[in-house]
C-alpha atoms as a PDB file:
ATOM      1  CA  MET A   1     125.973   0.248 190.720  1.00  0.00           C
ATOM      2  CA  LYS A   2     125.357  -0.103 187.422  1.00  0.00           C
ATOM      3  CA  VAL A   3     124.450   3.331 186.315  1.00  0.00           C
ATOM      4  CA  LEU A   4     126.606   4.547 187.839  1.00  0.00           C
ATOM      5  CA  PHE A   5     129.892   2.540 186.979  1.00  0.00           C
ATOM      6  CA  LEU A   6     128.979   3.291 183.374  1.00  0.00           C
ATOM      7  CA  LEU A   7     127.908   7.139 184.312  1.00  0.00           C
ATOM      8  CA  ILE A   8     131.085   6.933 185.040  1.00  0.00           C
ATOM      9  CA  ILE A   9     132.843   5.179 181.707  1.00  0.00           C
ATOM     10  CA  PHE A  10     130.685   7.918 179.855  1.00  0.00           C
ATOM     11  CA  ILE A  11     131.910  10.852 181.267  1.00  0.00           C
ATOM     12  CA  SER A  12     135.758   9.711 180.673  1.00  0.00           C
ATOM     13  CA  LEU A  13     135.055   9.179 177.446  1.00  0.00           C
ATOM     14  CA  LEU A  14     133.760  12.950 176.838  1.00  0.00           C
ATOM     15  CA  SER A  15     136.783  13.681 179.132  1.00  0.00           C
ATOM     16  CA  CYS A  16     139.203  12.306 177.260  1.00  0.00           C
ATOM     17  CA  ALA A  17     137.604  13.530 173.310  1.00  0.00           C
ATOM     18  CA  THR A  18     140.909  15.986 172.346  1.00  0.00           C
ATOM     19  CA  PRO A  19     140.698  18.241 169.902  1.00  0.00           C
ATOM     20  CA  LYS A  20     138.850  21.292 170.249  1.00  0.00           C
ATOM     21  CA  VAL A  21     136.072  22.695 167.751  1.00  0.00           C
ATOM     22  CA  VAL A  22     135.582  25.178 167.219  1.00  0.00           C
ATOM     23  CA  GLU A  23     132.447  26.881 165.893  1.00  0.00           C
ATOM     24  CA  VAL A  24     131.764  28.016 162.317  1.00  0.00           C
ATOM     25  CA  LYS A  25     130.003  31.645 162.555  1.00  0.00           C
ATOM     26  CA  ASP A  26     130.686  34.074 164.656  1.00  0.00           C
ATOM     27  CA  PRO A  27     128.365  37.005 164.891  1.00  0.00           C
ATOM     28  CA  LEU A  28     131.398  39.244 165.004  1.00  0.00           C
ATOM     29  CA  ASP A  29     133.106  38.011 162.122  1.00  0.00           C
ATOM     30  CA  GLU A  30     131.594  40.455 159.662  1.00  0.00           C
ATOM     31  CA  ASN A  31     132.760  43.268 161.876  1.00  0.00           C
ATOM     32  CA  LYS A  32     136.364  42.584 161.425  1.00  0.00           C
ATOM     33  CA  ASN A  33     138.690  44.279 159.050  1.00  0.00           C
ATOM     34  CA  CYS A  34     141.602  42.066 156.675  1.00  0.00           C
ATOM     35  CA  ARG A  35     144.550  41.253 159.902  1.00  0.00           C
ATOM     36  CA  GLU A  36     141.608  40.179 161.941  1.00  0.00           C
ATOM     37  CA  LEU A  37     140.060  37.935 159.689  1.00  0.00           C
ATOM     38  CA  GLU A  38     143.602  36.731 158.597  1.00  0.00           C
ATOM     39  CA  ASN A  39     144.577  36.045 162.138  1.00  0.00           C
ATOM     40  CA  LEU A  40     141.288  34.063 162.503  1.00  0.00           C
ATOM     41  CA  VAL A  41     142.164  32.052 159.400  1.00  0.00           C
ATOM     42  CA  ALA A  42     145.360  31.181 160.975  1.00  0.00           C
ATOM     43  CA  ASP A  43     144.157  30.069 164.847  1.00  0.00           C
ATOM     44  CA  THR A  44     141.608  28.139 163.350  1.00  0.00           C
ATOM     45  CA  GLN A  45     144.055  26.211 160.721  1.00  0.00           C
ATOM     46  CA  LYS A  46     146.359  25.343 163.801  1.00  0.00           C
ATOM     47  CA  PHE A  47     143.279  23.995 165.681  1.00  0.00           C
ATOM     48  CA  LYS A  48     143.268  21.809 162.519  1.00  0.00           C
ATOM     49  CA  ARG A  49     146.900  20.761 162.594  1.00  0.00           C
ATOM     50  CA  ASP A  50     146.517  19.946 166.412  1.00  0.00           C
ATOM     51  CA  ALA A  51     143.331  17.761 164.989  1.00  0.00           C
ATOM     52  CA  LEU A  52     145.689  16.177 162.339  1.00  0.00           C
ATOM     53  CA  TYR A  53     147.834  15.643 165.430  1.00  0.00           C
ATOM     54  CA  GLU A  54     145.402  13.680 167.778  1.00  0.00           C
ATOM     55  CA  LYS A  55     145.119  11.238 164.449  1.00  0.00           C
ATOM     56  CA  ASP A  56     148.827  10.219 164.012  1.00  0.00           C
ATOM     57  CA  ASN A  57     150.494   7.406 164.753  1.00  0.00           C
ATOM     58  CA  THR A  58     152.317   7.995 167.545  1.00  0.00           C
ATOM     59  CA  GLY A  59     153.812   6.012 170.664  1.00  0.00           C
ATOM     60  CA  GLY A  60     151.176   7.904 173.118  1.00  0.00           C
ATOM     61  CA  ASN A  61     148.374   7.361 170.306  1.00  0.00           C
ATOM     62  CA  MET A  62     149.303   4.157 170.479  1.00  0.00           C
ATOM     63  CA  ALA A  63     149.665   3.022 173.431  1.00  0.00           C
ATOM     64  CA  ARG A  64     146.138   4.975 174.624  1.00  0.00           C
ATOM     65  CA  LEU A  65     144.695   2.545 171.892  1.00  0.00           C
ATOM     66  CA  ILE A  66     146.260  -0.272 173.487  1.00  0.00           C
ATOM     67  CA  ILE A  67     145.410   0.371 176.995  1.00  0.00           C
ATOM     68  CA  PHE A  68     141.925   2.329 176.791  1.00  0.00           C
ATOM     69  CA  TRP A  69     140.295   2.328 173.160  1.00  0.00           C
ATOM     70  CA  PRO A  70     137.559   3.290 173.565  1.00  0.00           C
ATOM     71  CA  ALA A  71     138.732   7.042 174.450  1.00  0.00           C
ATOM     72  CA  MET A  72     140.844   6.613 171.822  1.00  0.00           C
ATOM     73  CA  ALA A  73     137.796   5.842 168.756  1.00  0.00           C
ATOM     74  CA  THR A  74     136.499   8.747 170.927  1.00  0.00           C
ATOM     75  CA  SER A  75     139.481  11.191 170.374  1.00  0.00           C
ATOM     76  CA  PHE A  76     139.514  10.377 166.332  1.00  0.00           C
ATOM     77  CA  HIS A  77     135.998  11.251 166.098  1.00  0.00           C
ATOM     78  CA  ASN A  78     135.851  14.018 167.737  1.00  0.00           C
ATOM     79  CA  ALA A  79     139.155  15.162 165.724  1.00  0.00           C
ATOM     80  CA  ASP A  80     137.576  13.902 162.912  1.00  0.00           C
ATOM     81  CA  LYS A  81     134.148  16.959 163.890  1.00  0.00           C
ATOM     82  CA  ALA A  82     137.038  19.594 165.292  1.00  0.00           C
ATOM     83  CA  ILE A  83     138.673  19.247 161.536  1.00  0.00           C
ATOM     84  CA  ARG A  84     135.534  19.496 159.403  1.00  0.00           C
ATOM     85  CA  ALA A  85     134.165  22.421 162.139  1.00  0.00           C
ATOM     86  CA  ALA A  86     138.131  24.431 160.634  1.00  0.00           C
ATOM     87  CA  ASN A  87     137.360  23.467 157.499  1.00  0.00           C
ATOM     88  CA  ASP A  88     134.033  25.396 157.025  1.00  0.00           C
ATOM     89  CA  ARG A  89     135.445  28.185 159.731  1.00  0.00           C
ATOM     90  CA  THR A  90     138.312  28.684 157.525  1.00  0.00           C
ATOM     91  CA  TYR A  91     135.528  28.792 154.119  1.00  0.00           C
ATOM     92  CA  HIS A  92     133.495  31.021 156.153  1.00  0.00           C
ATOM     93  CA  LEU A  93     136.491  33.649 157.122  1.00  0.00           C
ATOM     94  CA  LEU A  94     137.874  33.557 153.687  1.00  0.00           C
ATOM     95  CA  LYS A  95     134.566  34.106 151.821  1.00  0.00           C
ATOM     96  CA  ILE A  96     133.611  37.011 154.230  1.00  0.00           C
ATOM     97  CA  MET A  97     137.847  38.205 153.391  1.00  0.00           C
ATOM     98  CA  LYS A  98     136.349  38.221 149.953  1.00  0.00           C
ATOM     99  CA  ILE A  99     133.445  40.087 149.835  1.00  0.00           C
ATOM    100  CA  ILE A 100     135.739  43.114 151.825  1.00  0.00           C
END
């Protein structure tokens, strides 16, 4: 019974982890032209803004922090990973654009 309870808590923590973490490198990136790469950079920056918003001190975040702080801690950790991945992806795409 304890194992089932811990499993349910673990799954609920993972399901609360937002935002999406982007893949840094895509094998098809090298084949894209400048306009497509610019669009990918813009999309990546949107993911970064979403991750930064997750870490803001909004009323909803504060309520979640008070009610269920482990999920909020997981979301904050995931937001940090998403921000790092978005920065790395942007750098990767800009490096490809510089070569073209």
